[in-house]
Amino acid sequence: MAEIGKRNSLAIIKTVAFGVYLDGGGLGEILLPRRYVPAGAAPGDRLDVFLYFDSEDRLIATTEKPLAQVGDFAFLEAVAVNPTGAFLNWGLPKDLLVPWSEQRPPMKAGKKYVVHVYLDEASRRIAASAKIDKHLAKTPPPFEAGREVDLLIYGRTELGYKAVIDNSHGGILYKNEVFRELRPGDRVKGYVRKIRDDGKIDLRLGKPGPEGVDELAGRILDALRANDGFLEVTDKSPAEFVGRLFGVSKNAFKTAVGRLYKKRLVTLDDFGITLVDRG
């Protein structure tokens, strides 16, 4: 069955002067305006379309791809604010409404916000909410420790950074384990550190174990090659400086450099790290 606020593969029922009508099943016939109809499309053909309500609140199809669809968490810009709420640019002609009751704090035009796109059950209209926590999945997380995940940063607490995991669950990156600047809207790769007994998920940015050391060592080699074979960083460099360079703790950096040194890929002195010339 066709779903409002999502991409659907729908068959053309009939052609009219102003477009084509698609079979929306229980939603009835849905217009795809002529400007979106591919050349040569005919009844029986299936088209990949997105369903939403236009400026006149008519259910309509488009081949344009929005920046987010129902069920997604996204980082979108507010383009207008009025007594109804805030309106976000989500890549379609009609902007996406965030009702005042779903804002925290009140939104301002020109700023970007992490939101959840949802279908309002009462009005059957697509809207967005900045109250992320209430839209996170409450089911047992389908993750295991060590799994690589996609993270969307959406907030900060005294403990660290709050993140949406794989567009579903929530987790936290502890601030004493984060060695780079993170802001709401940042999308980063991360790893599940632990799933606690209460179902909450602890996260980390770096790969765990020896694999993580190898990955960091590779990034250090890449940085050396990009900097004429030399980096002005030593074991006496401030931890903050190391964190800005590679986004890791000083201990992790020293472990990776030590591995490169043992493999005779680099030399170390009081001035920095030098890449060994293999000729």
C-alpha atoms as a PDB file:
ATOM      1  CA  MET A   1       0.000   0.000   0.000  1.00  0.00           C
ATOM      2  CA  ALA A   2       1.189   3.529  -0.757  1.00  0.00           C
ATOM      3  CA  GLU A   3       2.524   5.476   2.240  1.00  0.00           C
ATOM      4  CA  ILE A   4       2.240   9.212   2.782  1.00  0.00           C
ATOM      5  CA  GLY A   5       5.573  10.892   3.464  1.00  0.00           C
ATOM      6  CA  LYS A   6       7.645   8.112   1.925  1.00  0.00           C
ATOM      7  CA  ARG A   7       8.925   7.010  -1.456  1.00  0.00           C
ATOM      8  CA  ASN A   8       6.689   4.546  -3.254  1.00  0.00           C
ATOM      9  CA  SER A   9       6.748   2.587  -6.500  1.00  0.00           C
ATOM     10  CA  LEU A  10       3.354   3.261  -8.060  1.00  0.00           C
ATOM     11  CA  ALA A  11       1.799   2.312 -11.383  1.00  0.00           C
ATOM     12  CA  ILE A  12       0.413   4.857 -13.835  1.00  0.00           C
ATOM     13  CA  ILE A  13      -3.362   4.452 -14.245  1.00  0.00           C
ATOM     14  CA  LYS A  14      -4.083   7.119 -16.826  1.00  0.00           C
ATOM     15  CA  THR A  15      -2.598  10.091 -18.616  1.00  0.00           C
ATOM     16  CA  VAL A  16      -4.215  13.558 -18.587  1.00  0.00           C
ATOM     17  CA  ALA A  17      -3.199  16.919 -20.009  1.00  0.00           C
ATOM     18  CA  PHE A  18      -1.730  18.096 -16.689  1.00  0.00           C
ATOM     19  CA  GLY A  19       0.110  14.910 -15.710  1.00  0.00           C
ATOM     20  CA  VAL A  20      -0.607  11.296 -14.872  1.00  0.00           C
ATOM     21  CA  TYR A  21      -2.637   9.595 -12.198  1.00  0.00           C
ATOM     22  CA  LEU A  22      -0.990   6.882 -10.109  1.00  0.00           C
ATOM     23  CA  ASP A  23      -2.587   3.927  -8.337  1.00  0.00           C
ATOM     24  CA  GLY A  24      -2.382   4.801  -4.627  1.00  0.00           C
ATOM     25  CA  GLY A  25      -4.348   1.766  -3.484  1.00  0.00           C
ATOM     26  CA  GLY A  26      -6.360   2.758  -0.420  1.00  0.00           C
ATOM     27  CA  LEU A  27      -5.293   6.373  -0.934  1.00  0.00           C
ATOM     28  CA  GLY A  28      -7.046   6.487  -4.302  1.00  0.00           C
ATOM     29  CA  GLU A  29      -5.744   8.011  -7.504  1.00  0.00           C
ATOM     30  CA  ILE A  30      -2.791  10.357  -6.927  1.00  0.00           C
ATOM     31  CA  LEU A  31      -1.710  13.053  -9.358  1.00  0.00           C
ATOM     32  CA  LEU A  32       1.870  13.316 -10.560  1.00  0.00           C
ATOM     33  CA  PRO A  33       2.051  16.788 -12.214  1.00  0.00           C
ATOM     34  CA  ARG A  34       3.230  16.890 -15.812  1.00  0.00           C
ATOM     35  CA  ARG A  35       6.566  18.585 -15.005  1.00  0.00           C
ATOM     36  CA  TYR A  36       7.592  15.467 -13.048  1.00  0.00           C
ATOM     37  CA  VAL A  37       6.457  12.849 -15.571  1.00  0.00           C
ATOM     38  CA  PRO A  38       9.408  11.141 -17.329  1.00  0.00           C
ATOM     39  CA  ALA A  39       9.414  11.315 -21.104  1.00  0.00           C
ATOM     40  CA  GLY A  40       7.666   8.318 -22.659  1.00  0.00           C
ATOM     41  CA  ALA A  41       5.912   7.231 -19.450  1.00  0.00           C
ATOM     42  CA  ALA A  42       2.676   5.354 -20.183  1.00  0.00           C
ATOM     43  CA  PRO A  43      -0.152   3.593 -18.305  1.00  0.00           C
ATOM     44  CA  GLY A  44       1.152   0.446 -16.619  1.00  0.00           C
ATOM     45  CA  ASP A  45       4.626   1.875 -16.026  1.00  0.00           C
ATOM     46  CA  ARG A  46       5.778   2.085 -12.416  1.00  0.00           C
ATOM     47  CA  LEU A  47       7.393   5.265 -11.116  1.00  0.00           C
ATOM     48  CA  ASP A  48       9.414   5.955  -7.971  1.00  0.00           C
ATOM     49  CA  VAL A  49       7.631   8.884  -6.311  1.00  0.00           C
ATOM     50  CA  PHE A  50       7.326  10.671  -2.968  1.00  0.00           C
ATOM     51  CA  LEU A  51       3.835  11.387  -1.591  1.00  0.00           C
ATOM     52  CA  TYR A  52       3.047  14.564   0.329  1.00  0.00           C
ATOM     53  CA  PHE A  53       0.453  17.333   0.622  1.00  0.00           C
ATOM     54  CA  ASP A  54       0.927  20.381  -1.597  1.00  0.00           C
ATOM     55  CA  SER A  55       0.259  24.038  -0.685  1.00  0.00           C
ATOM     56  CA  GLU A  56      -3.476  23.440  -1.169  1.00  0.00           C
ATOM     57  CA  ASP A  57      -3.395  20.361   1.091  1.00  0.00           C
ATOM     58  CA  ARG A  58      -3.959  17.952  -1.796  1.00  0.00           C
ATOM     59  CA  LEU A  59      -2.196  14.592  -1.701  1.00  0.00           C
ATOM     60  CA  ILE A  60       0.250  14.714  -4.596  1.00  0.00           C
ATOM     61  CA  ALA A  61       3.222  12.806  -5.982  1.00  0.00           C
ATOM     62  CA  THR A  62       6.631  14.095  -6.989  1.00  0.00           C
ATOM     63  CA  THR A  63       9.791  12.541  -8.391  1.00  0.00           C
ATOM     64  CA  GLU A  64      11.856  15.056  -6.401  1.00  0.00           C
ATOM     65  CA  LYS A  65      13.711  13.582  -3.449  1.00  0.00           C
ATOM     66  CA  PRO A  66      13.166  15.364  -0.125  1.00  0.00           C
ATOM     67  CA  LEU A  67      15.994  15.765   2.401  1.00  0.00           C
ATOM     68  CA  ALA A  68      14.090  13.491   4.788  1.00  0.00           C
ATOM     69  CA  GLN A  69      10.975  11.340   4.838  1.00  0.00           C
ATOM     70  CA  VAL A  70       8.568  10.169   7.531  1.00  0.00           C
ATOM     71  CA  GLY A  71      10.472   8.251  10.192  1.00  0.00           C
ATOM     72  CA  ASP A  72      13.784  10.009   9.524  1.00  0.00           C
ATOM     73  CA  PHE A  73      15.862  12.172  11.830  1.00  0.00           C
ATOM     74  CA  ALA A  74      17.420  15.073   9.918  1.00  0.00           C
ATOM     75  CA  PHE A  75      19.230  18.412  10.279  1.00  0.00           C
ATOM     76  CA  LEU A  76      17.122  21.028   8.507  1.00  0.00           C
ATOM     77  CA  GLU A  77      17.051  24.812   8.225  1.00  0.00           C
ATOM     78  CA  ALA A  78      14.152  26.925   9.432  1.00  0.00           C
ATOM     79  CA  VAL A  79      13.189  29.332   6.640  1.00  0.00           C
ATOM     80  CA  ALA A  80      10.175  31.018   8.234  1.00  0.00           C
ATOM     81  CA  VAL A  81       8.340  31.363  11.541  1.00  0.00           C
ATOM     82  CA  ASN A  82       4.729  32.450  12.029  1.00  0.00           C
ATOM     83  CA  PRO A  83       1.901  31.951  14.562  1.00  0.00           C
ATOM     84  CA  THR A  84       1.373  28.383  13.306  1.00  0.00           C
ATOM     85  CA  GLY A  85       4.955  27.307  13.928  1.00  0.00           C
ATOM     86  CA  ALA A  86       8.287  27.105  12.130  1.00  0.00           C
ATOM     87  CA  PHE A  87       8.753  25.971   8.546  1.00  0.00           C
ATOM     88  CA  LEU A  88      11.782  23.945   7.436  1.00  0.00           C
ATOM     89  CA  ASN A  89      13.342  23.564   4.025  1.00  0.00           C
ATOM     90  CA  TRP A  90      13.212  19.854   3.246  1.00  0.00           C
ATOM     91  CA  GLY A  91      13.801  20.097  -0.486  1.00  0.00           C
ATOM     92  CA  LEU A  92      10.184  20.297  -1.671  1.00  0.00           C
ATOM     93  CA  PRO A  93       8.082  23.292  -2.805  1.00  0.00           C
ATOM     94  CA  LYS A  94       5.970  23.196   0.373  1.00  0.00           C
ATOM     95  CA  ASP A  95       8.046  23.672   3.526  1.00  0.00           C
ATOM     96  CA  LEU A  96       7.807  21.272   6.477  1.00  0.00           C
ATOM     97  CA  LEU A  97       5.881  22.482   9.538  1.00  0.00           C
ATOM     98  CA  VAL A  98       7.187  22.214  13.096  1.00  0.00           C
ATOM     99  CA  PRO A  99       4.254  23.121  15.394  1.00  0.00           C
ATOM    100  CA  TRP A 100       5.099  25.349  18.358  1.00  0.00           C
ATOM    101  CA  SER A 101       4.311  22.435  20.683  1.00  0.00           C
ATOM    102  CA  GLU A 102       7.081  20.392  19.020  1.00  0.00           C
ATOM    103  CA  GLN A 103       9.829  23.017  19.344  1.00  0.00           C
ATOM    104  CA  ARG A 104      12.501  23.157  22.042  1.00  0.00           C
ATOM    105  CA  PRO A 105      13.573  25.982  22.270  1.00  0.00           C
ATOM    106  CA  PRO A 106      11.494  28.206  19.938  1.00  0.00           C
ATOM    107  CA  MET A 107      12.976  28.069  16.440  1.00  0.00           C
ATOM    108  CA  LYS A 108      14.411  31.022  14.556  1.00  0.00           C
ATOM    109  CA  ALA A 109      14.541  31.509  10.790  1.00  0.00           C
ATOM    110  CA  GLY A 110      18.022  30.940   9.374  1.00  0.00           C
ATOM    111  CA  LYS A 111      19.095  28.380  11.989  1.00  0.00           C
ATOM    112  CA  LYS A 112      19.285  24.612  11.527  1.00  0.00           C
ATOM    113  CA  TYR A 113      17.784  22.027  13.864  1.00  0.00           C
ATOM    114  CA  VAL A 114      17.790  18.276  14.342  1.00  0.00           C
ATOM    115  CA  VAL A 115      14.207  17.081  13.913  1.00  0.00           C
ATOM    116  CA  HIS A 116      12.168  13.921  13.519  1.00  0.00           C
ATOM    117  CA  VAL A 117       9.762  13.776  10.576  1.00  0.00           C
ATOM    118  CA  TYR A 118       6.432  12.152  11.428  1.00  0.00           C
ATOM    119  CA  LEU A 119       2.904  11.672  10.133  1.00  0.00           C
ATOM    120  CA  ASP A 120       0.391  13.287  12.488  1.00  0.00           C
ATOM    121  CA  GLU A 121      -2.195  10.610  13.205  1.00  0.00           C
ATOM    122  CA  ALA A 122      -5.031  13.060  13.831  1.00  0.00           C
ATOM    123  CA  SER A 123      -4.658  15.305  10.773  1.00  0.00           C
ATOM    124  CA  ARG A 124      -2.781  12.809   8.529  1.00  0.00           C
ATOM    125  CA  ARG A 125      -0.361  15.633   7.742  1.00  0.00           C
ATOM    126  CA  ILE A 126       3.426  15.416   7.601  1.00  0.00           C
ATOM    127  CA  ALA A 127       5.181  17.446  10.289  1.00  0.00           C
ATOM    128  CA  ALA A 128       8.437  17.552  12.227  1.00  0.00           C
ATOM    129  CA  SER A 129       9.394  17.631  15.895  1.00  0.00           C
ATOM    130  CA  ALA A 130      12.522  18.907  17.633  1.00  0.00           C
ATOM    131  CA  LYS A 131      11.677  16.829  20.713  1.00  0.00           C
ATOM    132  CA  ILE A 132      13.974  14.030  19.673  1.00  0.00           C
ATOM    133  CA  ASP A 133      13.914  11.878  22.799  1.00  0.00           C
ATOM    134  CA  LYS A 134      10.200  11.081  22.552  1.00  0.00           C
ATOM    135  CA  HIS A 135      10.612   9.824  18.982  1.00  0.00           C
ATOM    136  CA  LEU A 136      13.533   7.471  19.618  1.00  0.00           C
ATOM    137  CA  ALA A 137      12.777   3.749  19.412  1.00  0.00           C
ATOM    138  CA  LYS A 138      11.837   2.164  22.733  1.00  0.00           C
ATOM    139  CA  THR A 139      12.234  -1.421  21.520  1.00  0.00           C
ATOM    140  CA  PRO A 140      15.265  -3.508  22.571  1.00  0.00           C
ATOM    141  CA  PRO A 141      18.216  -2.261  20.477  1.00  0.00           C
ATOM    142  CA  PRO A 142      19.281  -4.592  17.635  1.00  0.00           C
ATOM    143  CA  PHE A 143      22.958  -3.828  18.256  1.00  0.00           C
ATOM    144  CA  GLU A 144      25.854  -5.647  19.848  1.00  0.00           C
ATOM    145  CA  ALA A 145      29.040  -4.296  21.392  1.00  0.00           C
ATOM    146  CA  GLY A 146      31.629  -3.375  18.768  1.00  0.00           C
ATOM    147  CA  ARG A 147      29.153  -2.840  15.931  1.00  0.00           C
ATOM    148  CA  GLU A 148      29.801   0.128  13.616  1.00  0.00           C
ATOM    149  CA  VAL A 149      26.851   2.533  13.482  1.00  0.00           C
ATOM    150  CA  ASP A 150      25.877   5.862  11.919  1.00  0.00           C
ATOM    151  CA  LEU A 151      25.399   8.647  14.449  1.00  0.00           C
ATOM    152  CA  LEU A 152      23.543  11.961  14.252  1.00  0.00           C
ATOM    153  CA  ILE A 153      24.503  14.284  17.108  1.00  0.00           C
ATOM    154  CA  TYR A 154      21.442  16.062  18.490  1.00  0.00           C
ATOM    155  CA  GLY A 155      22.310  17.408  21.927  1.00  0.00           C
ATOM    156  CA  ARG A 156      24.706  17.681  24.826  1.00  0.00           C
ATOM    157  CA  THR A 157      24.384  16.919  28.530  1.00  0.00           C
ATOM    158  CA  GLU A 158      26.737  17.012  31.514  1.00  0.00           C
ATOM    159  CA  LEU A 159      27.779  13.469  30.596  1.00  0.00           C
ATOM    160  CA  GLY A 160      28.506  14.048  26.925  1.00  0.00           C
ATOM    161  CA  TYR A 161      26.869  14.053  23.508  1.00  0.00           C
ATOM    162  CA  LYS A 162      23.456  12.590  22.690  1.00  0.00           C
ATOM    163  CA  ALA A 163      23.239  10.781  19.355  1.00  0.00           C
ATOM    164  CA  VAL A 164      20.621   9.097  17.186  1.00  0.00           C
ATOM    165  CA  ILE A 165      21.905   5.639  16.233  1.00  0.00           C
ATOM    166  CA  ASP A 166      21.132   4.323  12.737  1.00  0.00           C
ATOM    167  CA  ASN A 167      18.041   6.547  12.491  1.00  0.00           C
ATOM    168  CA  SER A 168      16.300   4.702  15.326  1.00  0.00           C
ATOM    169  CA  HIS A 169      17.659   4.438  18.878  1.00  0.00           C
ATOM    170  CA  GLY A 170      19.453   6.909  21.116  1.00  0.00           C
ATOM    171  CA  GLY A 171      22.853   6.664  22.756  1.00  0.00           C
ATOM    172  CA  ILE A 172      25.548   8.725  24.415  1.00  0.00           C
ATOM    173  CA  LEU A 173      29.185   9.563  23.714  1.00  0.00           C
ATOM    174  CA  TYR A 174      30.891  10.397  27.011  1.00  0.00           C
ATOM    175  CA  LYS A 175      32.675  13.746  26.864  1.00  0.00           C
ATOM    176  CA  ASN A 176      35.854  12.395  28.485  1.00  0.00           C
ATOM    177  CA  GLU A 177      36.180  10.003  25.529  1.00  0.00           C
ATOM    178  CA  VAL A 178      35.541  12.546  22.763  1.00  0.00           C
ATOM    179  CA  PHE A 179      38.613  14.392  21.506  1.00  0.00           C
ATOM    180  CA  ARG A 180      37.076  16.460  18.736  1.00  0.00           C
ATOM    181  CA  GLU A 181      34.445  19.146  18.551  1.00  0.00           C
ATOM    182  CA  LEU A 182      30.923  17.887  17.909  1.00  0.00           C
ATOM    183  CA  ARG A 183      27.829  19.959  17.215  1.00  0.00           C
ATOM    184  CA  PRO A 184      24.126  19.148  16.754  1.00  0.00           C
ATOM    185  CA  GLY A 185      23.632  18.008  13.179  1.00  0.00           C
ATOM    186  CA  ASP A 186      27.063  16.382  12.842  1.00  0.00           C
ATOM    187  CA  ARG A 187      26.927  12.936  11.247  1.00  0.00           C
ATOM    188  CA  VAL A 188      29.783  10.645  12.277  1.00  0.00           C
ATOM    189  CA  LYS A 189      30.675   6.978  12.317  1.00  0.00           C
ATOM    190  CA  GLY A 190      30.711   5.403  15.752  1.00  0.00           C
ATOM    191  CA  TYR A 191      30.739   2.088  17.569  1.00  0.00           C
ATOM    192  CA  VAL A 192      28.567   0.512  20.228  1.00  0.00           C
ATOM    193  CA  ARG A 193      30.620   0.303  23.404  1.00  0.00           C
ATOM    194  CA  LYS A 194      28.027  -1.291  25.637  1.00  0.00           C
ATOM    195  CA  ILE A 195      24.305  -1.897  25.996  1.00  0.00           C
ATOM    196  CA  ARG A 196      23.422  -1.418  29.639  1.00  0.00           C
ATOM    197  CA  ASP A 197      20.909  -3.451  31.618  1.00  0.00           C
ATOM    198  CA  ASP A 198      18.390  -0.609  31.390  1.00  0.00           C
ATOM    199  CA  GLY A 199      18.637  -0.692  27.573  1.00  0.00           C
ATOM    200  CA  LYS A 200      20.621   2.547  27.278  1.00  0.00           C
ATOM    201  CA  ILE A 201      23.481   2.507  24.794  1.00  0.00           C
ATOM    202  CA  ASP A 202      27.023   3.728  25.401  1.00  0.00           C
ATOM    203  CA  LEU A 203      28.943   4.727  22.289  1.00  0.00           C
ATOM    204  CA  ARG A 204      32.488   5.447  21.191  1.00  0.00           C
ATOM    205  CA  LEU A 205      33.981   7.128  18.120  1.00  0.00           C
ATOM    206  CA  GLY A 206      37.095   5.034  17.584  1.00  0.00           C
ATOM    207  CA  LYS A 207      37.223   1.397  16.562  1.00  0.00           C
ATOM    208  CA  PRO A 208      37.726  -0.894  19.562  1.00  0.00           C
ATOM    209  CA  GLY A 209      40.784  -3.081  20.088  1.00  0.00           C
ATOM    210  CA  PRO A 210      43.737  -3.704  17.761  1.00  0.00           C
ATOM    211  CA  GLU A 211      41.673  -2.855  14.679  1.00  0.00           C
ATOM    212  CA  GLY A 212      41.219   0.653  16.035  1.00  0.00           C
ATOM    213  CA  VAL A 213      44.954   1.042  16.562  1.00  0.00           C
ATOM    214  CA  ASP A 214      45.626  -0.050  12.979  1.00  0.00           C
ATOM    215  CA  GLU A 215      43.032   2.397  11.633  1.00  0.00           C
ATOM    216  CA  LEU A 216      44.585   5.293  13.573  1.00  0.00           C
ATOM    217  CA  ALA A 217      48.096   4.289  12.481  1.00  0.00           C
ATOM    218  CA  GLY A 218      46.892   4.411   8.887  1.00  0.00           C
ATOM    219  CA  ARG A 219      45.519   7.917   9.379  1.00  0.00           C
ATOM    220  CA  ILE A 220      48.832   9.048  10.871  1.00  0.00           C
ATOM    221  CA  LEU A 221      50.690   7.675   7.839  1.00  0.00           C
ATOM    222  CA  ASP A 222      48.269   9.483   5.526  1.00  0.00           C
ATOM    223  CA  ALA A 223      48.873  12.727   7.424  1.00  0.00           C
ATOM    224  CA  LEU A 224      52.636  12.263   7.164  1.00  0.00           C
ATOM    225  CA  ARG A 225      52.470  11.686   3.413  1.00  0.00           C
ATOM    226  CA  ALA A 226      50.279  14.772   2.997  1.00  0.00           C
ATOM    227  CA  ASN A 227      52.723  16.884   5.030  1.00  0.00           C
ATOM    228  CA  ASP A 228      56.004  16.070   3.255  1.00  0.00           C
ATOM    229  CA  GLY A 229      56.758  13.179   5.579  1.00  0.00           C
ATOM    230  CA  PHE A 230      56.864  15.134   8.840  1.00  0.00           C
ATOM    231  CA  LEU A 231      54.483  16.004  11.685  1.00  0.00           C
ATOM    232  CA  GLU A 232      55.498  18.409  14.418  1.00  0.00           C
ATOM    233  CA  VAL A 233      53.962  16.433  17.252  1.00  0.00           C
ATOM    234  CA  THR A 234      55.737  14.508  20.025  1.00  0.00           C
ATOM    235  CA  ASP A 235      54.916  12.673  23.235  1.00  0.00           C
ATOM    236  CA  LYS A 236      55.225  16.057  24.978  1.00  0.00           C
ATOM    237  CA  SER A 237      52.570  17.727  22.780  1.00  0.00           C
ATOM    238  CA  PRO A 238      49.432  18.789  24.693  1.00  0.00           C
ATOM    239  CA  ALA A 239      46.569  16.302  24.619  1.00  0.00           C
ATOM    240  CA  GLU A 240      44.296  19.027  23.205  1.00  0.00           C
ATOM    241  CA  PHE A 241      46.631  19.475  20.229  1.00  0.00           C
ATOM    242  CA  VAL A 242      46.662  15.739  19.523  1.00  0.00           C
ATOM    243  CA  GLY A 243      42.875  15.678  19.838  1.00  0.00           C
ATOM    244  CA  ARG A 244      42.482  18.452  17.283  1.00  0.00           C
ATOM    245  CA  LEU A 245      44.785  16.651  14.846  1.00  0.00           C
ATOM    246  CA  PHE A 246      43.308  13.165  15.010  1.00  0.00           C
ATOM    247  CA  GLY A 247      40.238  13.271  17.246  1.00  0.00           C
ATOM    248  CA  VAL A 248      41.663  10.721  19.694  1.00  0.00           C
ATOM    249  CA  SER A 249      43.196  10.653  23.160  1.00  0.00           C
ATOM    250  CA  LYS A 250      46.924  11.178  23.575  1.00  0.00           C
ATOM    251  CA  ASN A 251      47.302   7.613  24.864  1.00  0.00           C
ATOM    252  CA  ALA A 252      45.634   6.191  21.753  1.00  0.00           C
ATOM    253  CA  PHE A 253      47.875   8.355  19.570  1.00  0.00           C
ATOM    254  CA  LYS A 254      51.029   7.190  21.364  1.00  0.00           C
ATOM    255  CA  THR A 255      49.970   3.557  20.996  1.00  0.00           C
ATOM    256  CA  ALA A 256      49.476   3.956  17.239  1.00  0.00           C
ATOM    257  CA  VAL A 257      52.767   5.831  16.796  1.00  0.00           C
ATOM    258  CA  GLY A 258      54.526   3.143  18.814  1.00  0.00           C
ATOM    259  CA  ARG A 259      53.190   0.514  16.440  1.00  0.00           C
ATOM    260  CA  LEU A 260      54.494   2.462  13.433  1.00  0.00           C
ATOM    261  CA  TYR A 261      57.871   2.879  15.135  1.00  0.00           C
ATOM    262  CA  LYS A 262      58.172  -0.848  15.857  1.00  0.00           C
ATOM    263  CA  LYS A 263      57.438  -1.554  12.196  1.00  0.00           C
ATOM    264  CA  ARG A 264      60.213   0.931  11.311  1.00  0.00           C
ATOM    265  CA  LEU A 265      57.803   3.040   9.298  1.00  0.00           C
ATOM    266  CA  VAL A 266      58.618   6.229  11.230  1.00  0.00           C
ATOM    267  CA  THR A 267      61.420   7.730  13.284  1.00  0.00           C
ATOM    268  CA  LEU A 268      60.898   9.849  16.392  1.00  0.00           C
ATOM    269  CA  ASP A 269      62.871  12.733  17.860  1.00  0.00           C
ATOM    270  CA  ASP A 270      62.322  15.828  20.006  1.00  0.00           C
ATOM    271  CA  PHE A 271      60.887  17.734  17.040  1.00  0.00           C
ATOM    272  CA  GLY A 272      58.270  15.305  15.763  1.00  0.00           C
ATOM    273  CA  ILE A 273      57.552  12.237  13.651  1.00  0.00           C
ATOM    274  CA  THR A 274      59.314  11.540  10.361  1.00  0.00           C
ATOM    275  CA  LEU A 275      58.182   9.071   7.727  1.00  0.00           C
ATOM    276  CA  VAL A 276      60.888   6.565   6.816  1.00  0.00           C
ATOM    277  CA  ASP A 277      61.903   6.929   3.186  1.00  0.00           C
ATOM    278  CA  ARG A 278      61.609   3.482   1.617  1.00  0.00           C
ATOM    279  CA  GLY A 279      63.397   4.685  -1.502  1.00  0.00           C
END
